[in-house]
Amino acid sequence: MTYVIDQLVKKQAIERIPCTSDKRIVYAHLTPLGKTQIAAAFKTHKAFIEKLFSVFTEEEAEAYIKLNKKIGLHAQKNLE
C-alpha cells in the first residue's frame, strides 16, 4: 500500500495529510489533479460496467442486485 501511495504522491494525484490528534494516522487526500484523473477513469469504468451487465434483462438485473445485497449483508454479519 505504501508503494502505491508513494507513486500517487509522485504523480501529484494525492497528498499525505497527517492527523493532528493521532500521529500514527496519515490521510491520503485527492488533489485537484487526482480528482480529474478519477473523473476521467470513472467514465471509462462506467461504460465498461454498463456493457458487461447489458446481458441481463431488467428482471435478471433486479434479481442480481437483490442476491448481491443478501450475500453482502451475510458477509458483514460474519465479520462483526
N, C-alpha and C. Protein backbone atom coordinates (compact mmCIF):
# COMPACT_ATOMS: atom_id res chain seq x y z
N MET A 1 0.83 -1.19 0.00
CA MET A 1 0.00 0.00 0.00
C MET A 1 0.88 1.25 0.00
N THR A 2 1.93 1.23 0.79
CA THR A 2 2.81 2.40 0.85
C THR A 2 3.42 2.71 -0.51
N TYR A 3 3.83 1.66 -1.23
CA TYR A 3 4.42 1.87 -2.55
C TYR A 3 3.42 2.56 -3.48
N VAL A 4 2.19 2.07 -3.51
CA VAL A 4 1.16 2.65 -4.38
C VAL A 4 0.93 4.11 -4.02
N ILE A 5 0.81 4.39 -2.74
CA ILE A 5 0.59 5.77 -2.30
C ILE A 5 1.78 6.64 -2.67
N ASP A 6 3.00 6.11 -2.48
CA ASP A 6 4.21 6.86 -2.87
C ASP A 6 4.15 7.24 -4.35
N GLN A 7 3.73 6.30 -5.20
CA GLN A 7 3.66 6.56 -6.64
C GLN A 7 2.60 7.63 -6.95
N LEU A 8 1.47 7.56 -6.26
CA LEU A 8 0.41 8.56 -6.49
C LEU A 8 0.84 9.94 -5.99
N VAL A 9 1.61 9.98 -4.93
CA VAL A 9 2.15 11.26 -4.45
C VAL A 9 3.12 11.82 -5.49
N LYS A 10 3.99 10.97 -6.03
CA LYS A 10 4.95 11.41 -7.06
C LYS A 10 4.23 11.98 -8.28
N LYS A 11 3.08 11.38 -8.61
CA LYS A 11 2.29 11.83 -9.77
C LYS A 11 1.37 12.99 -9.41
N GLN A 12 1.44 13.45 -8.17
CA GLN A 12 0.64 14.56 -7.67
C GLN A 12 -0.86 14.30 -7.74
N ALA A 13 -1.23 13.02 -7.63
CA ALA A 13 -2.65 12.66 -7.63
C ALA A 13 -3.23 12.69 -6.22
N ILE A 14 -2.38 12.45 -5.24
CA ILE A 14 -2.81 12.53 -3.84
C ILE A 14 -1.74 13.24 -3.03
N GLU A 15 -2.14 13.65 -1.84
CA GLU A 15 -1.19 14.22 -0.88
C GLU A 15 -1.43 13.56 0.47
N ARG A 16 -0.37 13.45 1.23
CA ARG A 16 -0.50 12.90 2.59
C ARG A 16 -0.78 14.04 3.56
N ILE A 17 -1.76 13.82 4.43
CA ILE A 17 -2.10 14.82 5.44
C ILE A 17 -2.06 14.12 6.80
N PRO A 18 -1.12 14.53 7.67
CA PRO A 18 -1.04 13.90 8.99
C PRO A 18 -2.24 14.28 9.86
N CYS A 19 -2.68 13.32 10.67
CA CYS A 19 -3.77 13.56 11.62
C CYS A 19 -3.22 14.42 12.76
N THR A 20 -3.95 15.44 13.13
CA THR A 20 -3.48 16.34 14.20
C THR A 20 -3.64 15.73 15.59
N SER A 21 -4.55 14.77 15.73
CA SER A 21 -4.79 14.20 17.06
C SER A 21 -4.12 12.85 17.29
N ASP A 22 -3.65 12.19 16.23
CA ASP A 22 -3.02 10.88 16.37
C ASP A 22 -1.90 10.77 15.34
N LYS A 23 -0.67 10.82 15.82
CA LYS A 23 0.49 10.84 14.92
C LYS A 23 0.67 9.53 14.14
N ARG A 24 -0.05 8.49 14.52
CA ARG A 24 0.05 7.22 13.78
C ARG A 24 -0.77 7.25 12.50
N ILE A 25 -1.67 8.21 12.39
CA ILE A 25 -2.60 8.26 11.26
C ILE A 25 -2.14 9.29 10.23
N VAL A 26 -2.17 8.89 8.98
CA VAL A 26 -1.89 9.79 7.86
C VAL A 26 -3.01 9.59 6.84
N TYR A 27 -3.64 10.68 6.46
CA TYR A 27 -4.73 10.63 5.50
C TYR A 27 -4.19 10.79 4.09
N ALA A 28 -4.79 10.08 3.13
CA ALA A 28 -4.48 10.27 1.72
C ALA A 28 -5.62 11.10 1.14
N HIS A 29 -5.27 12.26 0.62
CA HIS A 29 -6.27 13.21 0.12
C HIS A 29 -6.07 13.42 -1.37
N LEU A 30 -7.15 13.32 -2.14
CA LEU A 30 -7.06 13.57 -3.58
C LEU A 30 -6.74 15.03 -3.85
N THR A 31 -5.82 15.26 -4.74
CA THR A 31 -5.53 16.61 -5.19
C THR A 31 -6.51 16.95 -6.33
N PRO A 32 -6.55 18.21 -6.75
CA PRO A 32 -7.38 18.54 -7.92
C PRO A 32 -7.02 17.69 -9.15
N LEU A 33 -5.73 17.44 -9.36
CA LEU A 33 -5.30 16.59 -10.47
C LEU A 33 -5.84 15.17 -10.28
N GLY A 34 -5.76 14.65 -9.05
CA GLY A 34 -6.28 13.32 -8.75
C GLY A 34 -7.76 13.22 -9.01
N LYS A 35 -8.50 14.26 -8.64
CA LYS A 35 -9.95 14.27 -8.88
C LYS A 35 -10.26 14.25 -10.37
N THR A 36 -9.48 14.98 -11.15
CA THR A 36 -9.66 14.99 -12.60
C THR A 36 -9.38 13.61 -13.18
N GLN A 37 -8.32 12.98 -12.70
CA GLN A 37 -7.96 11.65 -13.20
C GLN A 37 -9.02 10.61 -12.83
N ILE A 38 -9.55 10.70 -11.63
CA ILE A 38 -10.60 9.77 -11.19
C ILE A 38 -11.85 9.97 -12.05
N ALA A 39 -12.22 11.22 -12.29
CA ALA A 39 -13.41 11.51 -13.09
C ALA A 39 -13.26 10.93 -14.50
N ALA A 40 -12.08 11.07 -15.09
CA ALA A 40 -11.85 10.53 -16.43
C ALA A 40 -11.89 9.01 -16.43
N ALA A 41 -11.27 8.39 -15.44
CA ALA A 41 -11.25 6.93 -15.35
C ALA A 41 -12.65 6.39 -15.08
N PHE A 42 -13.44 7.12 -14.31
CA PHE A 42 -14.78 6.65 -13.96
C PHE A 42 -15.66 6.55 -15.19
N LYS A 43 -15.53 7.48 -16.12
CA LYS A 43 -16.34 7.43 -17.35
C LYS A 43 -16.08 6.13 -18.11
N THR A 44 -14.83 5.75 -18.23
CA THR A 44 -14.46 4.52 -18.91
C THR A 44 -14.97 3.31 -18.13
N HIS A 45 -14.79 3.35 -16.82
CA HIS A 45 -15.23 2.25 -15.95
C HIS A 45 -16.75 2.08 -16.03
N LYS A 46 -17.48 3.19 -15.97
CA LYS A 46 -18.94 3.14 -16.04
C LYS A 46 -19.41 2.52 -17.35
N ALA A 47 -18.79 2.92 -18.46
CA ALA A 47 -19.16 2.37 -19.77
C ALA A 47 -18.89 0.87 -19.82
N PHE A 48 -17.77 0.44 -19.24
CA PHE A 48 -17.43 -0.99 -19.22
C PHE A 48 -18.46 -1.77 -18.40
N ILE A 49 -18.82 -1.27 -17.22
CA ILE A 49 -19.79 -1.95 -16.36
C ILE A 49 -21.15 -2.03 -17.05
N GLU A 50 -21.57 -0.94 -17.69
CA GLU A 50 -22.86 -0.95 -18.40
C GLU A 50 -22.85 -1.99 -19.52
N LYS A 51 -21.75 -2.08 -20.25
CA LYS A 51 -21.65 -3.08 -21.33
C LYS A 51 -21.65 -4.49 -20.75
N LEU A 52 -20.91 -4.69 -19.66
CA LEU A 52 -20.81 -6.00 -19.03
C LEU A 52 -22.18 -6.51 -18.56
N PHE A 53 -22.96 -5.63 -17.94
CA PHE A 53 -24.24 -6.03 -17.38
C PHE A 53 -25.40 -5.92 -18.37
N SER A 54 -25.13 -5.49 -19.58
CA SER A 54 -26.19 -5.38 -20.58
C SER A 54 -26.74 -6.74 -20.99
N VAL A 55 -26.04 -7.79 -20.63
CA VAL A 55 -26.51 -9.14 -20.95
C VAL A 55 -27.75 -9.51 -20.13
N PHE A 56 -27.96 -8.84 -18.98
CA PHE A 56 -29.11 -9.12 -18.13
C PHE A 56 -30.37 -8.44 -18.65
N THR A 57 -31.49 -9.13 -18.48
CA THR A 57 -32.78 -8.47 -18.68
C THR A 57 -33.01 -7.61 -17.43
N GLU A 58 -34.02 -6.77 -17.44
CA GLU A 58 -34.31 -5.93 -16.28
C GLU A 58 -34.61 -6.79 -15.05
N GLU A 59 -35.34 -7.87 -15.26
CA GLU A 59 -35.69 -8.77 -14.15
C GLU A 59 -34.44 -9.47 -13.60
N GLU A 60 -33.57 -9.90 -14.49
CA GLU A 60 -32.33 -10.55 -14.05
C GLU A 60 -31.45 -9.57 -13.28
N ALA A 61 -31.39 -8.33 -13.74
CA ALA A 61 -30.59 -7.32 -13.05
C ALA A 61 -31.13 -7.08 -11.65
N GLU A 62 -32.43 -7.00 -11.51
CA GLU A 62 -33.04 -6.80 -10.19
C GLU A 62 -32.74 -7.99 -9.27
N ALA A 63 -32.82 -9.21 -9.80
CA ALA A 63 -32.51 -10.40 -9.01
C ALA A 63 -31.04 -10.41 -8.61
N TYR A 64 -30.16 -10.03 -9.53
CA TYR A 64 -28.73 -9.97 -9.25
C TYR A 64 -28.44 -8.99 -8.11
N ILE A 65 -29.04 -7.83 -8.18
CA ILE A 65 -28.85 -6.81 -7.13
C ILE A 65 -29.33 -7.34 -5.79
N LYS A 66 -30.51 -7.95 -5.79
CA LYS A 66 -31.07 -8.49 -4.55
C LYS A 66 -30.16 -9.56 -3.94
N LEU A 67 -29.66 -10.46 -4.77
CA LEU A 67 -28.78 -11.52 -4.28
C LEU A 67 -27.44 -10.98 -3.80
N ASN A 68 -26.91 -9.98 -4.49
CA ASN A 68 -25.66 -9.35 -4.06
C ASN A 68 -25.82 -8.70 -2.70
N LYS A 69 -26.94 -8.01 -2.49
CA LYS A 69 -27.20 -7.39 -1.19
C LYS A 69 -27.29 -8.45 -0.10
N LYS A 70 -27.95 -9.57 -0.43
CA LYS A 70 -28.12 -10.64 0.55
C LYS A 70 -26.77 -11.21 0.98
N ILE A 71 -25.91 -11.50 0.03
CA ILE A 71 -24.60 -12.06 0.37
C ILE A 71 -23.74 -11.03 1.08
N GLY A 72 -23.87 -9.75 0.69
CA GLY A 72 -23.10 -8.70 1.35
C GLY A 72 -23.51 -8.54 2.81
N LEU A 73 -24.79 -8.58 3.09
CA LEU A 73 -25.26 -8.48 4.48
C LEU A 73 -24.82 -9.70 5.29
N HIS A 74 -24.87 -10.87 4.67
CA HIS A 74 -24.42 -12.09 5.34
C HIS A 74 -22.93 -11.99 5.67
N ALA A 75 -22.14 -11.53 4.74
CA ALA A 75 -20.70 -11.38 4.97
C ALA A 75 -20.43 -10.37 6.08
N GLN A 76 -21.16 -9.27 6.07
CA GLN A 76 -20.99 -8.24 7.09
C GLN A 76 -21.27 -8.80 8.49
N LYS A 77 -22.31 -9.58 8.64
CA LYS A 77 -22.66 -10.17 9.93
C LYS A 77 -21.56 -11.12 10.40
N ASN A 78 -20.96 -11.83 9.47
CA ASN A 78 -19.92 -12.79 9.84
C ASN A 78 -18.57 -12.15 10.12
N LEU A 79 -18.42 -10.89 9.76
CA LEU A 79 -17.16 -10.19 10.03
C LEU A 79 -17.21 -9.40 11.34
N GLU A 80 -18.37 -9.25 11.91
CA GLU A 80 -18.52 -8.47 13.15
C GLU A 80 -18.06 -9.24 14.35
